[in-house]
C-alpha atoms as a PDB file:
ATOM      1  CA  MET A   1      13.950  15.347  -6.114  1.00  0.00           C
ATOM      2  CA  ASP A   2      13.817  18.932  -4.911  1.00  0.00           C
ATOM      3  CA  ALA A   3      10.944  21.339  -5.323  1.00  0.00           C
ATOM      4  CA  THR A   4      12.507  22.989  -8.370  1.00  0.00           C
ATOM      5  CA  SER A   5      12.471  19.704 -10.309  1.00  0.00           C
ATOM      6  CA  SER A   6       9.032  18.597  -9.177  1.00  0.00           C
ATOM      7  CA  PRO A   7       6.806  17.401 -12.050  1.00  0.00           C
ATOM      8  CA  LEU A   8       3.848  18.774 -10.143  1.00  0.00           C
ATOM      9  CA  GLN A   9       5.274  22.285 -10.432  1.00  0.00           C
ATOM     10  CA  SER A  10       6.034  22.051 -14.154  1.00  0.00           C
ATOM     11  CA  PRO A  11       4.058  24.607 -16.185  1.00  0.00           C
ATOM     12  CA  GLU A  12       3.444  21.787 -18.688  1.00  0.00           C
ATOM     13  CA  SER A  13       1.661  19.627 -16.142  1.00  0.00           C
ATOM     14  CA  PRO A  14      -2.109  19.398 -16.639  1.00  0.00           C
ATOM     15  CA  PHE A  15      -2.424  18.715 -12.900  1.00  0.00           C
ATOM     16  CA  VAL A  16      -1.243  22.036 -11.515  1.00  0.00           C
ATOM     17  CA  GLY A  17      -4.277  23.177  -9.535  1.00  0.00           C
ATOM     18  CA  ASP A  18      -6.346  20.284 -10.968  1.00  0.00           C
ATOM     19  CA  ALA A  19      -7.617  17.246  -9.071  1.00  0.00           C
ATOM     20  CA  SER A  20      -8.193  15.136 -12.202  1.00  0.00           C
ATOM     21  CA  LEU A  21      -7.202  11.475 -12.000  1.00  0.00           C
ATOM     22  CA  THR A  22      -5.987   9.375 -14.886  1.00  0.00           C
ATOM     23  CA  SER A  23      -8.745   7.260 -16.443  1.00  0.00           C
ATOM     24  CA  ALA A  24      -8.728   3.473 -16.165  1.00  0.00           C
ATOM     25  CA  ALA A  25      -9.009   3.251 -19.935  1.00  0.00           C
ATOM     26  CA  LEU A  26      -5.445   4.549 -20.121  1.00  0.00           C
ATOM     27  CA  ILE A  27      -3.976   2.200 -17.498  1.00  0.00           C
ATOM     28  CA  ILE A  28      -3.079  -1.491 -17.607  1.00  0.00           C
ATOM     29  CA  VAL A  29      -2.355  -3.357 -14.386  1.00  0.00           C
ATOM     30  CA  ASP A  30      -1.471  -7.041 -14.185  1.00  0.00           C
ATOM     31  CA  TYR A  31      -1.473  -8.845 -10.827  1.00  0.00           C
ATOM     32  CA  ILE A  32       0.697 -11.906 -10.311  1.00  0.00           C
ATOM     33  CA  ALA A  33       0.122 -14.292  -7.438  1.00  0.00           C
ATOM     34  CA  PRO A  34       3.250 -14.708  -5.310  1.00  0.00           C
ATOM     35  CA  PRO A  35       4.739 -18.202  -4.927  1.00  0.00           C
ATOM     36  CA  PRO A  36       2.753 -20.098  -2.253  1.00  0.00           C
ATOM     37  CA  ALA A  37       5.656 -20.043   0.210  1.00  0.00           C
ATOM     38  CA  LEU A  38       5.634 -16.234   0.089  1.00  0.00           C
ATOM     39  CA  ALA A  39       1.889 -15.761   0.568  1.00  0.00           C
ATOM     40  CA  PRO A  40       2.301 -14.748   4.254  1.00  0.00           C
ATOM     41  CA  PHE A  41       4.790 -12.052   3.223  1.00  0.00           C
ATOM     42  CA  ILE A  42       3.556 -10.677  -0.125  1.00  0.00           C
ATOM     43  CA  THR A  43      -0.026  -9.530  -0.720  1.00  0.00           C
ATOM     44  CA  THR A  44       0.380  -9.317  -4.501  1.00  0.00           C
ATOM     45  CA  LEU A  45       2.970  -8.848  -7.231  1.00  0.00           C
ATOM     46  CA  TYR A  46       2.062  -6.289  -9.871  1.00  0.00           C
ATOM     47  CA  HIS A  47       2.992  -4.756 -13.229  1.00  0.00           C
ATOM     48  CA  PHE A  48       1.582  -1.263 -13.865  1.00  0.00           C
ATOM     49  CA  ARG A  49       1.845   0.791 -17.044  1.00  0.00           C
ATOM     50  CA  CYS A  50       0.363   3.947 -18.484  1.00  0.00           C
ATOM     51  CA  ASP A  51       1.780   5.720 -21.530  1.00  0.00           C
ATOM     52  CA  GLU A  52       0.100   9.093 -21.012  1.00  0.00           C
ATOM     53  CA  PRO A  53       2.351  12.186 -20.793  1.00  0.00           C
ATOM     54  CA  TRP A  54       1.097  12.818 -17.237  1.00  0.00           C
ATOM     55  CA  ILE A  55      -0.331  10.345 -14.728  1.00  0.00           C
ATOM     56  CA  ARG A  56      -2.114  11.147 -11.501  1.00  0.00           C
ATOM     57  CA  ASP A  57      -3.429   8.541  -9.058  1.00  0.00           C
ATOM     58  CA  ILE A  58      -3.785   7.926  -5.322  1.00  0.00           C
ATOM     59  CA  GLN A  59      -2.177   5.117  -3.318  1.00  0.00           C
ATOM     60  CA  PRO A  60      -4.474   3.925  -0.517  1.00  0.00           C
ATOM     61  CA  ALA A  61      -2.962   3.543   2.942  1.00  0.00           C
ATOM     62  CA  ALA A  62      -1.031   0.264   2.827  1.00  0.00           C
ATOM     63  CA  VAL A  63       1.751  -1.567   4.636  1.00  0.00           C
ATOM     64  CA  GLY A  64       4.705  -1.202   2.248  1.00  0.00           C
ATOM     65  CA  GLN A  65       6.048  -2.064  -1.209  1.00  0.00           C
ATOM     66  CA  LEU A  66       9.279  -2.927  -2.934  1.00  0.00           C
ATOM     67  CA  CYS A  67       8.743  -1.082  -6.225  1.00  0.00           C
ATOM     68  CA  LEU A  68      10.808  -0.487  -9.376  1.00  0.00           C
ATOM     69  CA  PHE A  69      10.151   2.227 -11.963  1.00  0.00           C
ATOM     70  CA  PRO A  70      11.707   1.592 -15.402  1.00  0.00           C
ATOM     71  CA  HIS A  71       9.799   4.511 -16.968  1.00  0.00           C
ATOM     72  CA  GLY A  72       8.409   7.717 -15.497  1.00  0.00           C
ATOM     73  CA  VAL A  73       9.680  10.474 -13.231  1.00  0.00           C
ATOM     74  CA  GLY A  74       7.430  11.721 -10.477  1.00  0.00           C
ATOM     75  CA  GLU A  75       6.726  11.941  -6.787  1.00  0.00           C
ATOM     76  CA  MET A  76       4.427  10.853  -3.982  1.00  0.00           C
ATOM     77  CA  HIS A  77       2.844  13.309  -1.536  1.00  0.00           C
ATOM     78  CA  PHE A  78       2.588  12.315   2.102  1.00  0.00           C
ATOM     79  CA  ALA A  79       0.462  13.135   5.129  1.00  0.00           C
ATOM     80  CA  ASP A  80       2.825  15.675   6.685  1.00  0.00           C
ATOM     81  CA  GLY A  81       3.174  17.666   3.460  1.00  0.00           C
ATOM     82  CA  HIS A  82       6.550  16.407   2.238  1.00  0.00           C
ATOM     83  CA  ARG A  83       7.069  14.581  -1.049  1.00  0.00           C
ATOM     84  CA  ASP A  84       9.533  11.929  -2.213  1.00  0.00           C
ATOM     85  CA  PRO A  85      10.638  11.056  -5.756  1.00  0.00           C
ATOM     86  CA  ASN A  86       9.992   7.656  -7.277  1.00  0.00           C
ATOM     87  CA  HIS A  87      13.540   6.306  -7.016  1.00  0.00           C
ATOM     88  CA  ALA A  88      14.194   3.815  -9.826  1.00  0.00           C
ATOM     89  CA  VAL A  89      14.577   1.071  -7.206  1.00  0.00           C
ATOM     90  CA  GLY A  90      12.276   2.167  -4.390  1.00  0.00           C
ATOM     91  CA  LEU A  91      10.916   1.059  -1.048  1.00  0.00           C
ATOM     92  CA  LEU A  92       7.534   2.493  -0.099  1.00  0.00           C
ATOM     93  CA  THR A  93       7.173   2.460   3.671  1.00  0.00           C
ATOM     94  CA  PRO A  94       3.829   1.913   5.461  1.00  0.00           C
ATOM     95  CA  LEU A  95       1.328   4.707   4.853  1.00  0.00           C
ATOM     96  CA  SER A  96      -0.716   6.381   7.576  1.00  0.00           C
ATOM     97  CA  ARG A  97      -3.190   7.736   5.011  1.00  0.00           C
ATOM     98  CA  ALA A  98      -3.800   7.843   1.251  1.00  0.00           C
ATOM     99  CA  ALA A  99      -0.973   9.433  -0.754  1.00  0.00           C
ATOM    100  CA  PRO A 100      -1.346  11.193  -4.151  1.00  0.00           C
ATOM    101  CA  ILE A 101       1.035  10.294  -6.979  1.00  0.00           C
ATOM    102  CA  VAL A 102       1.995  12.570  -9.885  1.00  0.00           C
ATOM    103  CA  VAL A 103       4.276  11.250 -12.645  1.00  0.00           C
ATOM    104  CA  LYS A 104       5.573  12.571 -15.945  1.00  0.00           C
ATOM    105  CA  GLY A 105       4.973   9.613 -18.247  1.00  0.00           C
ATOM    106  CA  PRO A 106       5.080   7.179 -19.730  1.00  0.00           C
ATOM    107  CA  PHE A 107       4.914   5.467 -16.344  1.00  0.00           C
ATOM    108  CA  HIS A 108       5.705   1.775 -15.841  1.00  0.00           C
ATOM    109  CA  ALA A 109       6.254   0.005 -12.515  1.00  0.00           C
ATOM    110  CA  PHE A 110       6.567  -3.497 -11.125  1.00  0.00           C
ATOM    111  CA  GLY A 111       7.081  -4.836  -7.636  1.00  0.00           C
ATOM    112  CA  ALA A 112       5.627  -6.485  -4.552  1.00  0.00           C
ATOM    113  CA  ALA A 113       3.049  -5.251  -2.043  1.00  0.00           C
ATOM    114  CA  LEU A 114       4.001  -6.514   1.432  1.00  0.00           C
ATOM    115  CA  SER A 115       1.980  -7.796   4.372  1.00  0.00           C
ATOM    116  CA  PRO A 116       2.848  -6.604   7.913  1.00  0.00           C
ATOM    117  CA  VAL A 117       4.880  -9.782   8.447  1.00  0.00           C
ATOM    118  CA  GLY A 118       6.577  -9.311   5.075  1.00  0.00           C
ATOM    119  CA  TRP A 119       7.520  -5.723   5.865  1.00  0.00           C
ATOM    120  CA  ALA A 120       9.070  -6.710   9.187  1.00  0.00           C
ATOM    121  CA  ALA A 121      10.838  -9.835   7.919  1.00  0.00           C
ATOM    122  CA  LEU A 122      12.296  -8.055   4.887  1.00  0.00           C
ATOM    123  CA  THR A 123      13.274  -4.672   6.302  1.00  0.00           C
ATOM    124  CA  GLY A 124      13.530  -5.114  10.077  1.00  0.00           C
ATOM    125  CA  LEU A 125      12.279  -1.520  10.371  1.00  0.00           C
ATOM    126  CA  HIS A 126       9.794  -0.182  12.896  1.00  0.00           C
ATOM    127  CA  ALA A 127       6.744   0.528  10.725  1.00  0.00           C
ATOM    128  CA  GLY A 128       5.535   3.440  12.861  1.00  0.00           C
ATOM    129  CA  GLU A 129       8.890   5.210  12.992  1.00  0.00           C
ATOM    130  CA  ASN A 130       9.498   4.857   9.255  1.00  0.00           C
ATOM    131  CA  ARG A 131       6.040   5.414   7.740  1.00  0.00           C
ATOM    132  CA  ASP A 132       5.088   7.776   4.927  1.00  0.00           C
ATOM    133  CA  ARG A 133       8.276   7.663   2.851  1.00  0.00           C
ATOM    134  CA  LEU A 134       9.363   6.488  -0.586  1.00  0.00           C
ATOM    135  CA  LEU A 135      13.039   5.612  -0.079  1.00  0.00           C
ATOM    136  CA  PRO A 136      15.837   4.317  -2.313  1.00  0.00           C
ATOM    137  CA  ALA A 137      15.593   0.599  -1.596  1.00  0.00           C
ATOM    138  CA  GLY A 138      19.363   0.195  -1.273  1.00  0.00           C
ATOM    139  CA  SER A 139      19.413   2.509   1.732  1.00  0.00           C
ATOM    140  CA  VAL A 140      17.461  -0.145   3.665  1.00  0.00           C
ATOM    141  CA  LEU A 141      18.040  -3.439   1.868  1.00  0.00           C
ATOM    142  CA  GLY A 142      21.697  -3.028   0.907  1.00  0.00           C
ATOM    143  CA  PRO A 143      23.625  -2.949  -2.380  1.00  0.00           C
ATOM    144  CA  GLU A 144      22.323  -6.294  -3.693  1.00  0.00           C
ATOM    145  CA  ILE A 145      18.887  -4.854  -4.414  1.00  0.00           C
ATOM    146  CA  GLY A 146      20.521  -2.038  -6.381  1.00  0.00           C
ATOM    147  CA  VAL A 147      22.465  -4.505  -8.529  1.00  0.00           C
ATOM    148  CA  LEU A 148      19.404  -6.685  -9.095  1.00  0.00           C
ATOM    149  CA  GLY A 149      17.239  -3.643  -9.702  1.00  0.00           C
ATOM    150  CA  GLU A 150      19.511  -2.264 -12.403  1.00  0.00           C
ATOM    151  CA  ARG A 151      19.531  -5.667 -14.125  1.00  0.00           C
ATOM    152  CA  LEU A 152      15.739  -5.883 -14.048  1.00  0.00           C
ATOM    153  CA  LEU A 153      15.267  -2.287 -15.166  1.00  0.00           C
ATOM    154  CA  GLY A 154      17.666  -2.861 -18.071  1.00  0.00           C
ATOM    155  CA  GLY A 155      15.991  -6.128 -19.062  1.00  0.00           C
ATOM    156  CA  TYR A 156      12.564  -4.522 -18.988  1.00  0.00           C
ATOM    157  CA  ARG A 157      13.666  -1.478 -20.983  1.00  0.00           C
ATOM    158  CA  ASP A 158      15.362  -3.510 -23.724  1.00  0.00           C
ATOM    159  CA  GLY A 159      12.491  -5.994 -23.928  1.00  0.00           C
ATOM    160  CA  THR A 160      14.375  -9.102 -22.771  1.00  0.00           C
ATOM    161  CA  MET A 161      12.255  -9.387 -19.593  1.00  0.00           C
ATOM    162  CA  THR A 162       8.528  -8.922 -19.069  1.00  0.00           C
ATOM    163  CA  GLY A 163       7.020  -7.039 -16.161  1.00  0.00           C
ATOM    164  CA  GLY A 164       5.741 -10.306 -14.723  1.00  0.00           C
ATOM    165  CA  GLU A 165       9.184 -11.888 -14.892  1.00  0.00           C
ATOM    166  CA  CYS A 166      10.675  -8.836 -13.179  1.00  0.00           C
ATOM    167  CA  ALA A 167       8.056  -8.959 -10.430  1.00  0.00           C
ATOM    168  CA  LEU A 168       8.776 -12.649  -9.801  1.00  0.00           C
ATOM    169  CA  ALA A 169      12.485 -11.842  -9.601  1.00  0.00           C
ATOM    170  CA  ILE A 170      11.646  -9.273  -6.927  1.00  0.00           C
ATOM    171  CA  ALA A 171       9.750 -12.008  -5.071  1.00  0.00           C
ATOM    172  CA  GLY A 172      12.865 -14.169  -5.267  1.00  0.00           C
ATOM    173  CA  PHE A 173      14.944 -11.384  -3.720  1.00  0.00           C
ATOM    174  CA  ILE A 174      12.417 -11.039  -0.914  1.00  0.00           C
ATOM    175  CA  GLU A 175      12.450 -14.790  -0.253  1.00  0.00           C
ATOM    176  CA  ARG A 176      16.269 -14.809   0.024  1.00  0.00           C
ATOM    177  CA  HIS A 177      16.314 -11.898   2.472  1.00  0.00           C
ATOM    178  CA  LEU A 178      13.517 -12.714   4.913  1.00  0.00           C
ATOM    179  CA  GLN A 179      14.614 -12.691   8.538  1.00  0.00           C
ATOM    180  CA  PRO A 180      12.920 -14.608  11.377  1.00  0.00           C
ATOM    181  CA  ILE A 181      10.455 -12.776  13.620  1.00  0.00           C
ATOM    182  CA  ASN A 182       9.973 -13.377  17.333  1.00  0.00           C
ATOM    183  CA  PRO A 183       7.273 -16.116  17.597  1.00  0.00           C
ATOM    184  CA  ARG A 184       5.387 -14.156  20.277  1.00  0.00           C
ATOM    185  CA  HIS A 185       5.354 -11.157  17.977  1.00  0.00           C
ATOM    186  CA  LEU A 186       3.951 -13.335  15.194  1.00  0.00           C
ATOM    187  CA  GLU A 187       1.228 -14.470  17.573  1.00  0.00           C
ATOM    188  CA  LEU A 188       0.386 -10.842  18.313  1.00  0.00           C
ATOM    189  CA  ILE A 189       0.342  -9.909  14.610  1.00  0.00           C
ATOM    190  CA  ALA A 190      -2.049 -12.784  13.837  1.00  0.00           C
ATOM    191  CA  ALA A 191      -4.276 -11.889  16.792  1.00  0.00           C
ATOM    192  CA  THR A 192      -4.332  -8.253  15.686  1.00  0.00           C
ATOM    193  CA  GLY A 193      -5.478  -9.334  12.219  1.00  0.00           C
ATOM    194  CA  ARG A 194      -8.305 -11.381  13.699  1.00  0.00           C
ATOM    195  CA  TRP A 195      -9.213  -8.471  15.984  1.00  0.00           C
ATOM    196  CA  LEU A 196      -9.393  -6.081  13.038  1.00  0.00           C
ATOM    197  CA  GLY A 197     -11.492  -8.476  10.979  1.00  0.00           C
ATOM    198  CA  ALA A 198     -13.995  -9.321  13.687  1.00  0.00           C
ATOM    199  CA  SER A 199     -15.723  -5.931  13.774  1.00  0.00           C
ATOM    200  CA  PHE A 200     -15.798  -2.543  12.086  1.00  0.00           C
ATOM    201  CA  ASN A 201     -15.222  -0.966  15.504  1.00  0.00           C
ATOM    202  CA  PRO A 202     -13.199  -3.415  17.633  1.00  0.00           C
ATOM    203  CA  GLU A 203     -12.487  -2.486  21.252  1.00  0.00           C
ATOM    204  CA  VAL A 204      -8.807  -1.782  21.891  1.00  0.00           C
ATOM    205  CA  SER A 205      -9.124  -3.357  25.341  1.00  0.00           C
ATOM    206  CA  GLN A 206      -9.732  -6.732  23.670  1.00  0.00           C
ATOM    207  CA  LEU A 207      -6.070  -6.869  22.612  1.00  0.00           C
ATOM    208  CA  ALA A 208      -4.734  -6.558  26.171  1.00  0.00           C
ATOM    209  CA  GLY A 209      -3.065  -9.775  27.304  1.00  0.00           C
ATOM    210  CA  THR A 210      -2.503 -11.072  23.756  1.00  0.00           C
ATOM    211  CA  ALA A 211       0.572 -13.325  23.648  1.00  0.00           C
ATOM    212  CA  GLY A 212       1.116 -12.464  27.295  1.00  0.00           C
ATOM    213  CA  TYR A 213       1.709  -8.756  26.652  1.00  0.00           C
ATOM    214  CA  SER A 214       0.332  -5.899  28.700  1.00  0.00           C
ATOM    215  CA  ALA A 215      -1.915  -3.256  27.112  1.00  0.00           C
ATOM    216  CA  ARG A 216       1.050  -0.868  26.903  1.00  0.00           C
ATOM    217  CA  GLN A 217       3.270  -3.495  25.249  1.00  0.00           C
ATOM    218  CA  VAL A 218       0.501  -4.406  22.802  1.00  0.00           C
ATOM    219  CA  GLN A 219       0.156  -0.770  21.753  1.00  0.00           C
ATOM    220  CA  ARG A 220       3.909  -0.466  21.192  1.00  0.00           C
ATOM    221  CA  LEU A 221       4.187  -3.706  19.206  1.00  0.00           C
ATOM    222  CA  VAL A 222       1.121  -3.054  17.042  1.00  0.00           C
ATOM    223  CA  GLU A 223       2.613   0.269  15.990  1.00  0.00           C
ATOM    224  CA  GLN A 224       5.964  -1.431  15.349  1.00  0.00           C
ATOM    225  CA  TYR A 225       4.468  -3.950  12.912  1.00  0.00           C
ATOM    226  CA  PHE A 226       1.428  -2.169  11.462  1.00  0.00           C
ATOM    227  CA  GLY A 227       2.635   1.442  11.530  1.00  0.00           C
ATOM    228  CA  LEU A 228      -0.249   2.816  13.616  1.00  0.00           C
ATOM    229  CA  THR A 229      -1.528   2.506  17.171  1.00  0.00           C
ATOM    230  CA  PRO A 230      -4.390   0.009  17.633  1.00  0.00           C
ATOM    231  CA  ARG A 231      -7.022   2.751  17.703  1.00  0.00           C
ATOM    232  CA  ALA A 232      -5.731   4.426  14.526  1.00  0.00           C
ATOM    233  CA  LEU A 233      -5.244   1.032  12.890  1.00  0.00           C
ATOM    234  CA  ALA A 234      -8.883   0.141  13.553  1.00  0.00           C
ATOM    235  CA  ARG A 235      -9.931   3.408  11.866  1.00  0.00           C
ATOM    236  CA  LYS A 236      -7.779   2.637   8.845  1.00  0.00           C
ATOM    237  CA  TYR A 237      -9.092  -0.882   8.320  1.00  0.00           C
ATOM    238  CA  ARG A 238     -12.660   0.180   8.957  1.00  0.00           C
ATOM    239  CA  ALA A 239     -12.280   2.624   6.051  1.00  0.00           C
ATOM    240  CA  LEU A 240     -10.543   0.056   3.825  1.00  0.00           C
ATOM    241  CA  ARG A 241     -13.181  -2.597   4.535  1.00  0.00           C
ATOM    242  CA  ALA A 242     -15.977  -0.108   3.949  1.00  0.00           C
ATOM    243  CA  ALA A 243     -14.387   0.935   0.658  1.00  0.00           C
ATOM    244  CA  ALA A 244     -14.044  -2.697  -0.423  1.00  0.00           C
ATOM    245  CA  LEU A 245     -17.749  -3.272   0.221  1.00  0.00           C
ATOM    246  CA  LEU A 246     -18.821  -0.059  -1.495  1.00  0.00           C
ATOM    247  CA  SER A 247     -16.671  -0.780  -4.562  1.00  0.00           C
ATOM    248  CA  ALA A 248     -18.478  -4.082  -5.195  1.00  0.00           C
ATOM    249  CA  PRO A 249     -21.136  -4.102  -7.952  1.00  0.00           C
ATOM    250  CA  HIS A 250     -23.882  -4.903  -5.433  1.00  0.00           C
ATOM    251  CA  LEU A 251     -24.070  -4.148  -1.714  1.00  0.00           C
ATOM    252  CA  ALA A 252     -25.943  -6.750   0.303  1.00  0.00           C
ATOM    253  CA  MET A 253     -28.571  -5.448   2.711  1.00  0.00           C
ATOM    254  CA  GLU A 254     -26.730  -6.905   5.713  1.00  0.00           C
ATOM    255  CA  ASP A 255     -23.493  -5.193   4.623  1.00  0.00           C
ATOM    256  CA  GLU A 256     -25.356  -1.907   4.171  1.00  0.00           C
ATOM    257  CA  ALA A 257     -26.776  -2.215   7.690  1.00  0.00           C
ATOM    258  CA  GLU A 258     -23.340  -3.020   9.138  1.00  0.00           C
ATOM    259  CA  LEU A 259     -21.831   0.016   7.406  1.00  0.00           C
ATOM    260  CA  ALA A 260     -24.580   2.255   8.761  1.00  0.00           C
ATOM    261  CA  GLU A 261     -23.735   1.126  12.296  1.00  0.00           C
ATOM    262  CA  ALA A 262     -19.955   1.419  11.801  1.00  0.00           C
ATOM    263  CA  PHE A 263     -19.863   5.190  11.292  1.00  0.00           C
ATOM    264  CA  PHE A 264     -21.441   8.066  13.189  1.00  0.00           C
ATOM    265  CA  ASP A 265     -23.160   9.276  10.023  1.00  0.00           C
ATOM    266  CA  GLN A 266     -22.688   9.312   6.263  1.00  0.00           C
ATOM    267  CA  SER A 267     -20.447  12.391   6.231  1.00  0.00           C
ATOM    268  CA  HIS A 268     -18.189  10.715   8.793  1.00  0.00           C
ATOM    269  CA  MET A 269     -17.888   7.643   6.544  1.00  0.00           C
ATOM    270  CA  ILE A 270     -17.095   9.806   3.524  1.00  0.00           C
ATOM    271  CA  ARG A 271     -14.342  11.663   5.410  1.00  0.00           C
ATOM    272  CA  GLU A 272     -12.778   8.464   6.719  1.00  0.00           C
ATOM    273  CA  ILE A 273     -12.756   6.732   3.341  1.00  0.00           C
ATOM    274  CA  ALA A 274     -11.312   9.839   1.670  1.00  0.00           C
ATOM    275  CA  HIS A 275      -8.608  10.039   4.372  1.00  0.00           C
ATOM    276  CA  PHE A 276      -7.396   6.448   4.093  1.00  0.00           C
ATOM    277  CA  VAL A 277      -8.423   5.465   0.549  1.00  0.00           C
ATOM    278  CA  GLY A 278      -8.235   8.767  -1.296  1.00  0.00           C
ATOM    279  CA  ARG A 279     -11.710   8.620  -2.863  1.00  0.00           C
ATOM    280  CA  THR A 280     -15.235   9.473  -1.835  1.00  0.00           C
ATOM    281  CA  PRO A 281     -17.644   6.514  -1.787  1.00  0.00           C
ATOM    282  CA  ALA A 282     -19.324   7.773  -4.952  1.00  0.00           C
ATOM    283  CA  ARG A 283     -16.084   7.221  -6.889  1.00  0.00           C
ATOM    284  CA  LEU A 284     -15.198   3.786  -5.551  1.00  0.00           C
ATOM    285  CA  SER A 285     -17.230   1.806  -8.084  1.00  0.00           C
ATOM    286  CA  ASP A 286     -16.887   3.994 -11.164  1.00  0.00           C
ATOM    287  CA  GLN A 287     -14.127   1.774 -12.618  1.00  0.00           C
ATOM    288  CA  THR A 288     -11.817   4.740 -13.134  1.00  0.00           C
ATOM    289  CA  THR A 289      -9.047   3.428 -10.929  1.00  0.00           C
ATOM    290  CA  PRO A 290      -8.058  -0.238 -11.405  1.00  0.00           C
ATOM    291  CA  TYR A 291      -5.001   0.101  -9.161  1.00  0.00           C
ATOM    292  CA  LEU A 292      -7.189   1.373  -6.333  1.00  0.00           C
ATOM    293  CA  ALA A 293      -9.768  -1.354  -6.899  1.00  0.00           C
ATOM    294  CA  GLU A 294      -7.144  -4.086  -6.538  1.00  0.00           C
ATOM    295  CA  MET A 295      -5.499  -2.581  -3.448  1.00  0.00           C
ATOM    296  CA  ILE A 296      -8.800  -2.425  -1.540  1.00  0.00           C
ATOM    297  CA  ASP A 297     -10.141  -5.766  -2.793  1.00  0.00           C
ATOM    298  CA  GLN A 298     -11.267  -8.009   0.076  1.00  0.00           C
ATOM    299  CA  ARG A 299      -8.739 -10.703  -0.804  1.00  0.00           C
ATOM    300  CA  ASN A 300      -5.926  -8.203  -0.296  1.00  0.00           C
ATOM    301  CA  LEU A 301      -7.004  -7.606   3.298  1.00  0.00           C
ATOM    302  CA  ARG A 302      -5.853 -11.119   4.201  1.00  0.00           C
ATOM    303  CA  GLU A 303      -4.170  -9.873   7.361  1.00  0.00           C
ATOM    304  CA  LEU A 304      -7.628  -9.275   8.799  1.00  0.00           C
ATOM    305  CA  GLN A 305      -7.963 -13.028   9.080  1.00  0.00           C
ATOM    306  CA  GLY A 306      -4.722 -13.400  11.076  1.00  0.00           C
END
C-alpha cells in the first residue's frame, strides 16, 4: 500500500490528526488455546472483529504473528516511520516497540501469536534483522500458506468456517512447518526467559557463559531469537511486566514496591510503558482495549519462565 492509498490519509477517516482509539464495546476478541503440542511455539490463537467504519488500536511490542485479514483494509505504523499494509495473508515480524494500527472497517482477523521459539522454528529468520514489518506471509513461508490462506479467507467470508476453526487451521499449518532448532540455542532461549523473569532489571553480565557461549555470542544469539539485544530486551519486558501488573484490578503492595524500585521515577515508567505497550499506565485498566489486555496478560509472558 503506497501513501496515496493509505486509509490514514483519507479525508473520510476520523483519525486524521486524532489519537482516539476504538472502544472495547465495539470490539469482540476470542482467544483459543493452541493444541498442547504447540504450546512452546504459539502463545495464543485469536479471532478479532470490529464492524466500525474505522478502527484504531495499538499492537504492543511482541515476537511475531501469522495473521489473516478476511475483512478490512489498513496499515501498521512502525518505529522507524514506515508503514505496511495488512496483507490478506500476513506475517507480522517481531516488534521493537508498540505499533499503531489504522483500518478501514469492518475489520476481522484471525491467526496465531508466536513465542520466540515458534518464530524461529516456523520462519528461520533472524528476529533482529527482520523486525518491525508486516509482510505477505508467502514471501517467507512459501506458496502453501497462500493457498491455505485463500481457502480459509473464502470459508470465513462465505460463512462455512468460523474464526476459531480458521485459527486452528493456521495452528495446523504451523505444526507441519516447524523446523528443528539447535539444542544449545534452545538452552540459551530458555535461560534468557528465566533471566528476564527473575528481575525487573536483570544484569546482562548474568547471561555470559550460558550454554557455553561467550558474552559476545550471547548478545548475538539473543538478538537473533528475541529481536533485541539483551539490554533492550530487558527494557521491553520490564515495561510489559509492569503493564501487566498495572492492568490488574488490584495492585498488591509488594508489587507496587517492586515497580517503584524498577524505574528511576514515575515519569520514566510512563515513558517506557508508552514506548513498548502504547498506553500510559492510567489507560491500562480502563477496559477500553481488550486486545491489549490479552497481549500483556501475565500468562502470555510464558517465555519469562524459560
